[in-house]
Amino acid sequence: MPPEKAPDKPEYLELGFEKGIPVSLDGKAMAPASLIYELNEIGGRNGVGIVDTVENRVVGMKSRGIYETPGGTIIYAAHRELENLCLDRQTMSFKAIVCQKLAELIYEGQWYTPLREALSAFIDTTQVTVGGSVRLKLYKGNIIPAGSTSPFSLYNQELSSFTTGDLFDHKDAEGFIKLTGLPMTVRALMEERSKSKAKS
């Protein structure tokens, strides 16, 4: 259904995950095929998952494709929210690179290759702690996060608050800022020295 024809009232759902895999919908355990079928129904009636894109084919040409993937789009959005909660910054950053390459290999039919197996092993490792539940709000083609919980959450209010306690002293950041900014300071001094020499 086109987003503009979707209901005027938002619809909420909650997806449960274990090791990065969706296993339940609104608290009810479901097999993968049944879960996708149900999410296709829910997402479809809310105008979610319609993609109109120009893409690169393996043979080199560009082609236009219009896809409808409501269930997959919902799972992707929920999974991304849970990863944001459970994975550290460096793992998230590198995983984005790995996922891009993995997607290319799969698109090109390179499933049975050593590289694909190695990349999949990395992905599997990152998903061990991606478990919990994500609540989403669907409204006229949009998927809006409405809360997530996980026993593996890396979020710690005592550390992230502006009124931290003994776990973190904001004054500790002064040395870190000086060290990370040192290359820029050295470069600025070098440029200033060069300008002074040019004027003299």
N, C-alpha and C. Protein backbone atom coordinates (compact mmCIF):
# COMPACT_ATOMS: atom_id res chain seq x y z
N MET A 1 0.84 -1.19 0.00
CA MET A 1 0.00 0.00 0.00
C MET A 1 0.88 1.25 0.00
N PRO A 2 0.56 2.24 -0.84
CA PRO A 2 1.33 3.49 -0.82
C PRO A 2 1.22 4.16 0.54
N PRO A 3 2.30 4.78 1.01
CA PRO A 3 2.27 5.41 2.34
C PRO A 3 1.12 6.39 2.53
N GLU A 4 0.80 7.17 1.49
CA GLU A 4 -0.26 8.17 1.64
C GLU A 4 -1.64 7.55 1.85
N LYS A 5 -1.79 6.26 1.50
CA LYS A 5 -3.07 5.58 1.69
C LYS A 5 -3.09 4.72 2.95
N ALA A 6 -1.98 4.72 3.67
CA ALA A 6 -1.90 3.94 4.91
C ALA A 6 -2.79 4.57 5.98
N PRO A 7 -3.14 3.82 7.02
CA PRO A 7 -4.02 4.34 8.08
C PRO A 7 -3.44 5.60 8.74
N ASP A 8 -4.34 6.46 9.22
CA ASP A 8 -3.93 7.69 9.89
C ASP A 8 -3.47 7.43 11.33
N LYS A 9 -3.67 6.22 11.81
CA LYS A 9 -3.28 5.86 13.17
C LYS A 9 -2.04 4.97 13.14
N PRO A 10 -1.01 5.29 13.91
CA PRO A 10 0.21 4.46 13.92
C PRO A 10 -0.04 3.08 14.52
N GLU A 11 0.79 2.13 14.10
CA GLU A 11 0.70 0.78 14.63
C GLU A 11 2.04 0.42 15.29
N TYR A 12 1.96 -0.18 16.47
CA TYR A 12 3.17 -0.54 17.21
C TYR A 12 3.38 -2.05 17.18
N LEU A 13 4.64 -2.45 17.18
CA LEU A 13 4.97 -3.87 17.28
C LEU A 13 6.28 -4.02 18.05
N GLU A 14 6.52 -5.21 18.55
CA GLU A 14 7.76 -5.48 19.29
C GLU A 14 8.38 -6.77 18.78
N LEU A 15 9.64 -6.66 18.36
CA LEU A 15 10.37 -7.81 17.85
C LEU A 15 11.39 -8.28 18.89
N GLY A 16 11.44 -9.60 19.09
CA GLY A 16 12.42 -10.18 20.00
C GLY A 16 13.53 -10.85 19.21
N PHE A 17 14.78 -10.70 19.68
CA PHE A 17 15.94 -11.25 18.98
C PHE A 17 16.77 -12.13 19.91
N GLU A 18 17.39 -13.15 19.31
CA GLU A 18 18.38 -13.97 20.00
C GLU A 18 19.56 -14.15 19.05
N LYS A 19 20.74 -13.73 19.50
CA LYS A 19 21.96 -13.81 18.68
C LYS A 19 21.76 -13.19 17.30
N GLY A 20 21.07 -12.04 17.29
CA GLY A 20 20.88 -11.30 16.05
C GLY A 20 19.75 -11.79 15.17
N ILE A 21 19.07 -12.84 15.57
CA ILE A 21 18.01 -13.45 14.75
C ILE A 21 16.65 -13.14 15.38
N PRO A 22 15.69 -12.63 14.58
CA PRO A 22 14.36 -12.37 15.12
C PRO A 22 13.65 -13.68 15.44
N VAL A 23 13.11 -13.77 16.65
CA VAL A 23 12.49 -15.03 17.09
C VAL A 23 11.06 -14.86 17.59
N SER A 24 10.65 -13.60 17.80
CA SER A 24 9.29 -13.41 18.32
C SER A 24 8.69 -12.09 17.87
N LEU A 25 7.37 -12.05 17.85
CA LEU A 25 6.62 -10.85 17.51
C LEU A 25 5.59 -10.60 18.59
N ASP A 26 5.70 -9.44 19.22
CA ASP A 26 4.80 -9.07 20.31
C ASP A 26 4.75 -10.15 21.39
N GLY A 27 5.92 -10.70 21.71
CA GLY A 27 6.03 -11.69 22.78
C GLY A 27 5.70 -13.11 22.38
N LYS A 28 5.26 -13.32 21.14
CA LYS A 28 4.90 -14.66 20.68
C LYS A 28 6.02 -15.24 19.84
N ALA A 29 6.56 -16.40 20.26
CA ALA A 29 7.62 -17.06 19.50
C ALA A 29 7.09 -17.49 18.14
N MET A 30 7.90 -17.23 17.10
CA MET A 30 7.47 -17.56 15.74
C MET A 30 8.63 -18.10 14.93
N ALA A 31 8.33 -19.03 14.02
CA ALA A 31 9.32 -19.55 13.09
C ALA A 31 9.64 -18.46 12.08
N PRO A 32 10.84 -18.48 11.48
CA PRO A 32 11.25 -17.41 10.55
C PRO A 32 10.25 -17.13 9.43
N ALA A 33 9.75 -18.17 8.77
CA ALA A 33 8.84 -17.97 7.65
C ALA A 33 7.53 -17.32 8.11
N SER A 34 7.01 -17.78 9.23
CA SER A 34 5.77 -17.22 9.76
C SER A 34 5.96 -15.78 10.19
N LEU A 35 7.12 -15.49 10.76
CA LEU A 35 7.43 -14.13 11.21
C LEU A 35 7.48 -13.17 10.04
N ILE A 36 8.16 -13.57 8.97
CA ILE A 36 8.25 -12.73 7.77
C ILE A 36 6.86 -12.51 7.17
N TYR A 37 6.08 -13.57 7.12
CA TYR A 37 4.72 -13.46 6.56
C TYR A 37 3.89 -12.45 7.35
N GLU A 38 3.96 -12.53 8.66
CA GLU A 38 3.18 -11.62 9.51
C GLU A 38 3.67 -10.18 9.37
N LEU A 39 5.00 -10.01 9.35
CA LEU A 39 5.55 -8.66 9.21
C LEU A 39 5.26 -8.07 7.83
N ASN A 40 5.19 -8.90 6.82
CA ASN A 40 4.80 -8.41 5.49
C ASN A 40 3.38 -7.85 5.51
N GLU A 41 2.52 -8.54 6.23
CA GLU A 41 1.13 -8.09 6.37
C GLU A 41 1.07 -6.76 7.12
N ILE A 42 1.75 -6.69 8.24
CA ILE A 42 1.72 -5.48 9.08
C ILE A 42 2.38 -4.31 8.36
N GLY A 43 3.58 -4.54 7.84
CA GLY A 43 4.30 -3.47 7.14
C GLY A 43 3.59 -3.03 5.88
N GLY A 44 3.02 -3.99 5.16
CA GLY A 44 2.33 -3.66 3.92
C GLY A 44 1.17 -2.71 4.12
N ARG A 45 0.38 -2.95 5.16
CA ARG A 45 -0.79 -2.09 5.38
C ARG A 45 -0.42 -0.72 5.92
N ASN A 46 0.86 -0.57 6.35
CA ASN A 46 1.33 0.72 6.83
C ASN A 46 2.26 1.43 5.84
N GLY A 47 2.34 0.90 4.63
CA GLY A 47 3.13 1.55 3.59
C GLY A 47 4.63 1.46 3.81
N VAL A 48 5.07 0.47 4.55
CA VAL A 48 6.50 0.32 4.87
C VAL A 48 7.19 -0.57 3.85
N GLY A 49 8.44 -0.23 3.52
CA GLY A 49 9.28 -1.13 2.73
C GLY A 49 9.19 -1.01 1.22
N ILE A 50 8.70 0.12 0.71
CA ILE A 50 8.66 0.33 -0.73
C ILE A 50 9.92 1.09 -1.14
N VAL A 51 10.68 0.50 -2.07
CA VAL A 51 11.94 1.09 -2.50
C VAL A 51 11.93 1.26 -4.01
N ASP A 52 12.19 2.48 -4.46
CA ASP A 52 12.32 2.80 -5.89
C ASP A 52 13.76 3.24 -6.10
N THR A 53 14.57 2.41 -6.76
CA THR A 53 16.00 2.69 -6.81
C THR A 53 16.61 2.42 -8.19
N VAL A 54 17.70 3.10 -8.48
CA VAL A 54 18.54 2.80 -9.63
C VAL A 54 19.77 2.09 -9.10
N GLU A 55 20.03 0.89 -9.61
CA GLU A 55 21.11 0.06 -9.06
C GLU A 55 22.09 -0.38 -10.13
N ASN A 56 23.25 -0.82 -9.68
CA ASN A 56 24.29 -1.31 -10.58
C ASN A 56 24.18 -2.82 -10.72
N ARG A 57 24.01 -3.30 -11.96
CA ARG A 57 23.98 -4.73 -12.21
C ARG A 57 25.41 -5.27 -12.27
N VAL A 58 25.55 -6.57 -12.06
CA VAL A 58 26.86 -7.20 -12.09
C VAL A 58 27.53 -7.00 -13.44
N VAL A 59 26.76 -7.01 -14.51
CA VAL A 59 27.32 -6.90 -15.87
C VAL A 59 27.71 -5.48 -16.23
N GLY A 60 27.43 -4.50 -15.36
CA GLY A 60 27.91 -3.15 -15.59
C GLY A 60 26.86 -2.09 -15.85
N MET A 61 25.70 -2.49 -16.33
CA MET A 61 24.65 -1.51 -16.62
C MET A 61 23.90 -1.12 -15.36
N LYS A 62 23.24 0.01 -15.43
CA LYS A 62 22.36 0.44 -14.34
C LYS A 62 20.92 0.09 -14.72
N SER A 63 20.16 -0.25 -13.72
CA SER A 63 18.75 -0.56 -13.97
C SER A 63 17.90 -0.01 -12.84
N ARG A 64 16.66 0.25 -13.16
CA ARG A 64 15.74 0.75 -12.15
C ARG A 64 14.90 -0.39 -11.62
N GLY A 65 14.79 -0.44 -10.31
CA GLY A 65 13.99 -1.48 -9.70
C GLY A 65 13.06 -0.91 -8.65
N ILE A 66 11.86 -1.46 -8.58
CA ILE A 66 10.91 -1.07 -7.54
C ILE A 66 10.61 -2.33 -6.72
N TYR A 67 10.96 -2.25 -5.45
CA TYR A 67 10.82 -3.41 -4.59
C TYR A 67 9.86 -3.12 -3.43
N GLU A 68 9.21 -4.18 -2.98
CA GLU A 68 8.38 -4.08 -1.78
C GLU A 68 8.85 -5.16 -0.81
N THR A 69 9.49 -4.72 0.27
CA THR A 69 10.02 -5.65 1.27
C THR A 69 9.64 -5.19 2.68
N PRO A 70 8.36 -5.16 2.99
CA PRO A 70 7.93 -4.65 4.30
C PRO A 70 8.50 -5.44 5.48
N GLY A 71 8.44 -6.77 5.41
CA GLY A 71 8.94 -7.58 6.51
C GLY A 71 10.44 -7.42 6.72
N GLY A 72 11.19 -7.49 5.64
CA GLY A 72 12.64 -7.34 5.72
C GLY A 72 13.04 -5.96 6.21
N THR A 73 12.32 -4.94 5.79
CA THR A 73 12.63 -3.57 6.20
C THR A 73 12.40 -3.38 7.69
N ILE A 74 11.35 -3.98 8.21
CA ILE A 74 11.05 -3.90 9.64
C ILE A 74 12.13 -4.61 10.45
N ILE A 75 12.50 -5.81 10.03
CA ILE A 75 13.54 -6.58 10.74
C ILE A 75 14.86 -5.81 10.73
N TYR A 76 15.20 -5.25 9.58
CA TYR A 76 16.46 -4.50 9.46
C TYR A 76 16.48 -3.32 10.42
N ALA A 77 15.38 -2.59 10.47
CA ALA A 77 15.30 -1.42 11.35
C ALA A 77 15.42 -1.82 12.82
N ALA A 78 14.73 -2.88 13.20
CA ALA A 78 14.77 -3.34 14.60
C ALA A 78 16.16 -3.87 14.95
N HIS A 79 16.73 -4.61 14.05
CA HIS A 79 18.07 -5.18 14.28
C HIS A 79 19.11 -4.09 14.44
N ARG A 80 19.01 -3.04 13.62
CA ARG A 80 19.95 -1.92 13.71
C ARG A 80 19.84 -1.23 15.07
N GLU A 81 18.63 -1.06 15.57
CA GLU A 81 18.44 -0.44 16.88
C GLU A 81 19.09 -1.28 17.99
N LEU A 82 18.93 -2.58 17.88
CA LEU A 82 19.49 -3.47 18.91
C LEU A 82 21.02 -3.49 18.84
N GLU A 83 21.56 -3.46 17.64
CA GLU A 83 23.02 -3.40 17.50
C GLU A 83 23.57 -2.10 18.08
N ASN A 84 22.86 -1.01 17.87
CA ASN A 84 23.29 0.28 18.45
C ASN A 84 23.39 0.19 19.97
N LEU A 85 22.57 -0.64 20.55
CA LEU A 85 22.54 -0.79 22.00
C LEU A 85 23.60 -1.78 22.51
N CYS A 86 23.90 -2.80 21.69
CA CYS A 86 24.71 -3.92 22.17
C CYS A 86 26.14 -4.00 21.64
N LEU A 87 26.45 -3.30 20.57
CA LEU A 87 27.79 -3.38 19.99
C LEU A 87 28.58 -2.11 20.27
N ASP A 88 29.89 -2.27 20.47
CA ASP A 88 30.74 -1.11 20.70
C ASP A 88 31.00 -0.36 19.40
N ARG A 89 31.52 0.83 19.50
CA ARG A 89 31.71 1.73 18.35
C ARG A 89 32.61 1.13 17.28
N GLN A 90 33.75 0.56 17.68
CA GLN A 90 34.68 0.02 16.70
C GLN A 90 34.10 -1.17 15.95
N THR A 91 33.41 -2.04 16.66
CA THR A 91 32.79 -3.19 16.01
C THR A 91 31.71 -2.74 15.03
N MET A 92 30.89 -1.78 15.43
CA MET A 92 29.85 -1.25 14.55
C MET A 92 30.46 -0.66 13.28
N SER A 93 31.54 0.09 13.44
CA SER A 93 32.18 0.74 12.30
C SER A 93 32.74 -0.28 11.32
N PHE A 94 33.45 -1.27 11.83
CA PHE A 94 34.05 -2.27 10.94
C PHE A 94 32.99 -3.18 10.35
N LYS A 95 31.96 -3.48 11.12
CA LYS A 95 30.89 -4.35 10.61
C LYS A 95 30.21 -3.74 9.39
N ALA A 96 30.10 -2.41 9.36
CA ALA A 96 29.50 -1.75 8.20
C ALA A 96 30.31 -2.03 6.93
N ILE A 97 31.63 -2.05 7.06
CA ILE A 97 32.50 -2.35 5.92
C ILE A 97 32.33 -3.80 5.49
N VAL A 98 32.31 -4.70 6.47
CA VAL A 98 32.17 -6.12 6.20
C VAL A 98 30.83 -6.41 5.52
N CYS A 99 29.77 -5.77 6.02
CA CYS A 99 28.43 -6.00 5.46
C CYS A 99 28.34 -5.56 4.01
N GLN A 100 29.01 -4.45 3.68
CA GLN A 100 29.00 -3.97 2.30
C GLN A 100 29.64 -5.00 1.37
N LYS A 101 30.80 -5.52 1.79
CA LYS A 101 31.49 -6.52 0.97
C LYS A 101 30.69 -7.81 0.91
N LEU A 102 30.11 -8.21 2.03
CA LEU A 102 29.31 -9.43 2.05
C LEU A 102 28.11 -9.33 1.12
N ALA A 103 27.47 -8.16 1.12
CA ALA A 103 26.32 -7.94 0.24
C ALA A 103 26.74 -8.04 -1.23
N GLU A 104 27.91 -7.50 -1.55
CA GLU A 104 28.42 -7.57 -2.93
C GLU A 104 28.65 -9.02 -3.34
N LEU A 105 29.28 -9.81 -2.47
CA LEU A 105 29.55 -11.21 -2.78
C LEU A 105 28.26 -11.99 -3.02
N ILE A 106 27.28 -11.78 -2.15
CA ILE A 106 26.01 -12.49 -2.29
C ILE A 106 25.29 -12.07 -3.56
N TYR A 107 25.30 -10.77 -3.84
CA TYR A 107 24.63 -10.27 -5.05
C TYR A 107 25.26 -10.86 -6.31
N GLU A 108 26.57 -11.08 -6.25
CA GLU A 108 27.30 -11.62 -7.41
C GLU A 108 27.30 -13.14 -7.45
N GLY A 109 26.59 -13.78 -6.53
CA GLY A 109 26.50 -15.24 -6.52
C GLY A 109 27.74 -15.93 -5.99
N GLN A 110 28.52 -15.23 -5.15
CA GLN A 110 29.78 -15.78 -4.63
C GLN A 110 29.60 -16.36 -3.23
N TRP A 111 28.55 -17.12 -3.04
CA TRP A 111 28.26 -17.66 -1.72
C TRP A 111 29.28 -18.72 -1.29
N TYR A 112 29.60 -19.62 -2.19
CA TYR A 112 30.51 -20.71 -1.84
C TYR A 112 31.96 -20.31 -2.10
N THR A 113 32.41 -19.31 -1.35
CA THR A 113 33.79 -18.84 -1.48
C THR A 113 34.41 -18.70 -0.09
N PRO A 114 35.73 -18.85 0.02
CA PRO A 114 36.40 -18.69 1.32
C PRO A 114 36.16 -17.32 1.94
N LEU A 115 36.14 -16.26 1.11
CA LEU A 115 35.95 -14.92 1.64
C LEU A 115 34.57 -14.78 2.26
N ARG A 116 33.55 -15.30 1.58
CA ARG A 116 32.19 -15.21 2.13
C ARG A 116 32.10 -15.95 3.46
N GLU A 117 32.74 -17.10 3.55
CA GLU A 117 32.71 -17.87 4.79
C GLU A 117 33.41 -17.11 5.92
N ALA A 118 34.53 -16.46 5.59
CA ALA A 118 35.26 -15.70 6.61
C ALA A 118 34.46 -14.50 7.09
N LEU A 119 33.83 -13.80 6.16
CA LEU A 119 33.03 -12.64 6.54
C LEU A 119 31.81 -13.05 7.36
N SER A 120 31.20 -14.16 7.00
CA SER A 120 30.05 -14.67 7.75
C SER A 120 30.46 -15.05 9.17
N ALA A 121 31.68 -15.60 9.32
CA ALA A 121 32.17 -15.96 10.65
C ALA A 121 32.32 -14.72 11.51
N PHE A 122 32.81 -13.63 10.91
CA PHE A 122 32.92 -12.38 11.65
C PHE A 122 31.55 -11.89 12.08
N ILE A 123 30.60 -11.89 11.15
CA ILE A 123 29.24 -11.43 11.46
C ILE A 123 28.64 -12.27 12.59
N ASP A 124 28.80 -13.58 12.50
CA ASP A 124 28.24 -14.47 13.54
C ASP A 124 28.80 -14.12 14.92
N THR A 125 30.08 -13.82 14.96
CA THR A 125 30.72 -13.47 16.23
C THR A 125 30.13 -12.20 16.82
N THR A 126 29.87 -11.22 15.96
CA THR A 126 29.32 -9.95 16.46
C THR A 126 27.90 -10.10 16.98
N GLN A 127 27.20 -11.13 16.54
CA GLN A 127 25.78 -11.26 16.87
C GLN A 127 25.52 -12.02 18.17
N VAL A 128 26.56 -12.56 18.78
CA VAL A 128 26.38 -13.35 20.00
C VAL A 128 25.66 -12.56 21.08
N THR A 129 25.95 -11.27 21.20
CA THR A 129 25.33 -10.45 22.25
C THR A 129 24.20 -9.55 21.72
N VAL A 130 23.77 -9.77 20.50
CA VAL A 130 22.67 -8.96 19.96
C VAL A 130 21.36 -9.67 20.26
N GLY A 131 20.90 -9.49 21.47
CA GLY A 131 19.65 -10.12 21.89
C GLY A 131 18.83 -9.16 22.74
N GLY A 132 17.54 -9.33 22.69
CA GLY A 132 16.65 -8.44 23.44
C GLY A 132 15.40 -8.16 22.64
N SER A 133 14.78 -7.03 22.90
CA SER A 133 13.55 -6.68 22.18
C SER A 133 13.57 -5.22 21.74
N VAL A 134 12.91 -4.98 20.61
CA VAL A 134 12.83 -3.64 20.04
C VAL A 134 11.38 -3.32 19.73
N ARG A 135 10.94 -2.17 20.19
CA ARG A 135 9.58 -1.71 19.91
C ARG A 135 9.64 -0.66 18.81
N LEU A 136 8.78 -0.80 17.80
CA LEU A 136 8.76 0.11 16.66
C LEU A 136 7.37 0.69 16.44
N LYS A 137 7.36 1.90 15.94
CA LYS A 137 6.12 2.58 15.57
C LYS A 137 6.07 2.70 14.05
N LEU A 138 5.04 2.14 13.43
CA LEU A 138 4.89 2.22 11.98
C LEU A 138 3.82 3.25 11.65
N TYR A 139 4.18 4.17 10.75
CA TYR A 139 3.21 5.21 10.42
C TYR A 139 3.48 5.75 9.01
N LYS A 140 2.57 5.46 8.10
CA LYS A 140 2.61 5.99 6.74
C LYS A 140 3.99 5.87 6.09
N GLY A 141 4.50 4.65 6.07
CA GLY A 141 5.78 4.39 5.42
C GLY A 141 7.00 4.57 6.29
N ASN A 142 6.82 5.11 7.47
CA ASN A 142 7.95 5.36 8.37
C ASN A 142 8.05 4.29 9.45
N ILE A 143 9.29 4.00 9.84
CA ILE A 143 9.55 3.11 10.96
C ILE A 143 10.27 3.94 12.02
N ILE A 144 9.63 4.14 13.14
CA ILE A 144 10.15 5.03 14.18
C ILE A 144 10.47 4.22 15.42
N PRO A 145 11.74 4.24 15.89
CA PRO A 145 12.09 3.50 17.11
C PRO A 145 11.26 3.99 18.30
N ALA A 146 10.78 3.03 19.10
CA ALA A 146 9.96 3.39 20.25
C ALA A 146 10.46 2.71 21.53
N GLY A 147 11.72 2.30 21.52
CA GLY A 147 12.31 1.71 22.71
C GLY A 147 12.95 0.36 22.45
N SER A 148 14.03 0.08 23.16
CA SER A 148 14.70 -1.22 23.04
C SER A 148 15.32 -1.61 24.37
N THR A 149 15.35 -2.90 24.63
CA THR A 149 15.94 -3.41 25.87
C THR A 149 16.78 -4.64 25.54
N SER A 150 17.85 -4.84 26.32
CA SER A 150 18.70 -6.00 26.11
C SER A 150 19.51 -6.30 27.37
N PRO A 151 19.66 -7.58 27.71
CA PRO A 151 20.52 -7.94 28.84
C PRO A 151 21.99 -7.69 28.51
N PHE A 152 22.30 -7.44 27.23
CA PHE A 152 23.67 -7.20 26.79
C PHE A 152 23.91 -5.72 26.47
N SER A 153 23.01 -4.86 26.90
CA SER A 153 23.12 -3.43 26.61
C SER A 153 24.43 -2.85 27.14
N LEU A 154 25.09 -2.04 26.32
CA LEU A 154 26.31 -1.36 26.72
C LEU A 154 26.03 0.03 27.26
N TYR A 155 24.77 0.41 27.26
CA TYR A 155 24.40 1.73 27.76
C TYR A 155 24.44 1.73 29.28
N ASN A 156 25.16 2.71 29.83
CA ASN A 156 25.27 2.85 31.28
C ASN A 156 25.01 4.31 31.62
N GLN A 157 23.88 4.56 32.24
CA GLN A 157 23.48 5.94 32.53
C GLN A 157 24.48 6.66 33.41
N GLU A 158 25.11 5.93 34.32
CA GLU A 158 26.08 6.57 35.21
C GLU A 158 27.30 7.08 34.45
N LEU A 159 27.65 6.38 33.36
CA LEU A 159 28.79 6.80 32.56
C LEU A 159 28.43 7.88 31.56
N SER A 160 27.23 7.80 31.00
CA SER A 160 26.86 8.70 29.90
C SER A 160 26.20 9.99 30.36
N SER A 161 25.81 10.05 31.62
CA SER A 161 25.13 11.24 32.13
C SER A 161 26.10 12.41 32.28
N PHE A 162 25.57 13.63 32.18
CA PHE A 162 26.37 14.82 32.41
C PHE A 162 26.67 15.02 33.89
N THR A 163 25.99 14.26 34.72
CA THR A 163 26.24 14.34 36.16
C THR A 163 26.80 13.01 36.63
N THR A 164 27.94 12.60 36.04
CA THR A 164 28.53 11.31 36.37
C THR A 164 29.07 11.28 37.79
N GLY A 165 29.20 10.07 38.30
CA GLY A 165 29.72 9.90 39.65
C GLY A 165 31.18 9.47 39.60
N ASP A 166 31.50 8.45 40.41
CA ASP A 166 32.89 8.01 40.54
C ASP A 166 33.40 7.25 39.32
N LEU A 167 32.51 6.73 38.47
CA LEU A 167 32.94 5.94 37.33
C LEU A 167 33.71 6.74 36.29
N PHE A 168 33.36 8.02 36.16
CA PHE A 168 34.02 8.83 35.14
C PHE A 168 34.06 10.29 35.59
N ASP A 169 35.25 10.87 35.56
CA ASP A 169 35.44 12.27 35.89
C ASP A 169 35.68 13.03 34.60
N HIS A 170 34.86 14.04 34.34
CA HIS A 170 34.98 14.79 33.08
C HIS A 170 36.36 15.43 32.91
N LYS A 171 37.04 15.68 34.01
CA LYS A 171 38.38 16.27 33.91
C LYS A 171 39.36 15.33 33.24
N ASP A 172 39.03 14.01 33.28
CA ASP A 172 39.91 13.03 32.64
C ASP A 172 39.97 13.24 31.13
N ALA A 173 38.97 13.89 30.59
CA ALA A 173 38.91 14.10 29.15
C ALA A 173 39.93 15.13 28.66
N GLU A 174 40.42 15.97 29.57
CA GLU A 174 41.36 17.02 29.15
C GLU A 174 42.62 16.43 28.51
N GLY A 175 43.20 15.42 29.17
CA GLY A 175 44.40 14.79 28.61
C GLY A 175 44.12 14.09 27.30
N PHE A 176 42.97 13.43 27.22
CA PHE A 176 42.57 12.74 25.99
C PHE A 176 42.43 13.72 24.83
N ILE A 177 41.79 14.85 25.10
CA ILE A 177 41.59 15.86 24.06
C ILE A 177 42.93 16.41 23.58
N LYS A 178 43.85 16.65 24.51
CA LYS A 178 45.16 17.16 24.12
C LYS A 178 45.92 16.15 23.25
N LEU A 179 45.83 14.87 23.62
CA LEU A 179 46.54 13.84 22.86
C LEU A 179 45.96 13.64 21.47
N THR A 180 44.64 13.55 21.37
CA THR A 180 44.03 13.34 20.07
C THR A 180 44.16 14.57 19.18
N GLY A 181 44.28 15.75 19.80
CA GLY A 181 44.43 16.97 19.03
C GLY A 181 45.86 17.33 18.72
N LEU A 182 46.83 16.54 19.25
CA LEU A 182 48.24 16.85 19.07
C LEU A 182 48.67 16.91 17.60
N PRO A 183 48.29 15.96 16.74
CA PRO A 183 48.67 16.05 15.33
C PRO A 183 48.19 17.34 14.66
N MET A 184 46.99 17.79 15.00
CA MET A 184 46.47 19.02 14.42
C MET A 184 47.22 20.24 14.95
N THR A 185 47.61 20.17 16.23
CA THR A 185 48.38 21.27 16.82
C THR A 185 49.74 21.38 16.15
N VAL A 186 50.41 20.25 15.97
CA VAL A 186 51.72 20.24 15.32
C VAL A 186 51.62 20.76 13.89
N ARG A 187 50.59 20.34 13.19
CA ARG A 187 50.42 20.80 11.80
C ARG A 187 50.17 22.31 11.74
N ALA A 188 49.36 22.81 12.66
CA ALA A 188 49.07 24.25 12.70
C ALA A 188 50.34 25.05 13.00
N LEU A 189 51.17 24.54 13.92
CA LEU A 189 52.42 25.21 14.23
C LEU A 189 53.36 25.22 13.04
N MET A 190 53.41 24.11 12.31
CA MET A 190 54.24 24.00 11.13
C MET A 190 53.79 24.98 10.05
N GLU A 191 52.48 25.07 9.84
CA GLU A 191 51.95 26.00 8.83
C GLU A 191 52.23 27.44 9.23
N GLU A 192 52.09 27.74 10.52
CA GLU A 192 52.35 29.09 11.00
C GLU A 192 53.83 29.44 10.81
N ARG A 193 54.71 28.48 11.06
CA ARG A 193 56.15 28.69 10.88
C ARG A 193 56.48 28.93 9.40
N SER A 194 55.82 28.18 8.54
CA SER A 194 56.06 28.30 7.10
C SER A 194 55.60 29.68 6.60
N LYS A 195 54.44 30.12 7.10
CA LYS A 195 53.95 31.44 6.70
C LYS A 195 54.88 32.55 7.16
N SER A 196 55.41 32.41 8.38
CA SER A 196 56.33 33.41 8.91
C SER A 196 57.61 33.48 8.07
N LYS A 197 58.13 32.34 7.66
CA LYS A 197 59.33 32.31 6.84
C LYS A 197 59.07 32.93 5.48
N ALA A 198 57.87 32.69 4.92
CA ALA A 198 57.54 33.22 3.60
C ALA A 198 57.45 34.76 3.63
N LYS A 199 57.01 35.30 4.75
CA LYS A 199 56.86 36.75 4.87
C LYS A 199 58.22 37.44 5.07
N SER A 200 59.16 36.74 5.72
CA SER A 200 60.47 37.35 6.04
C SER A 200 61.43 37.28 4.86
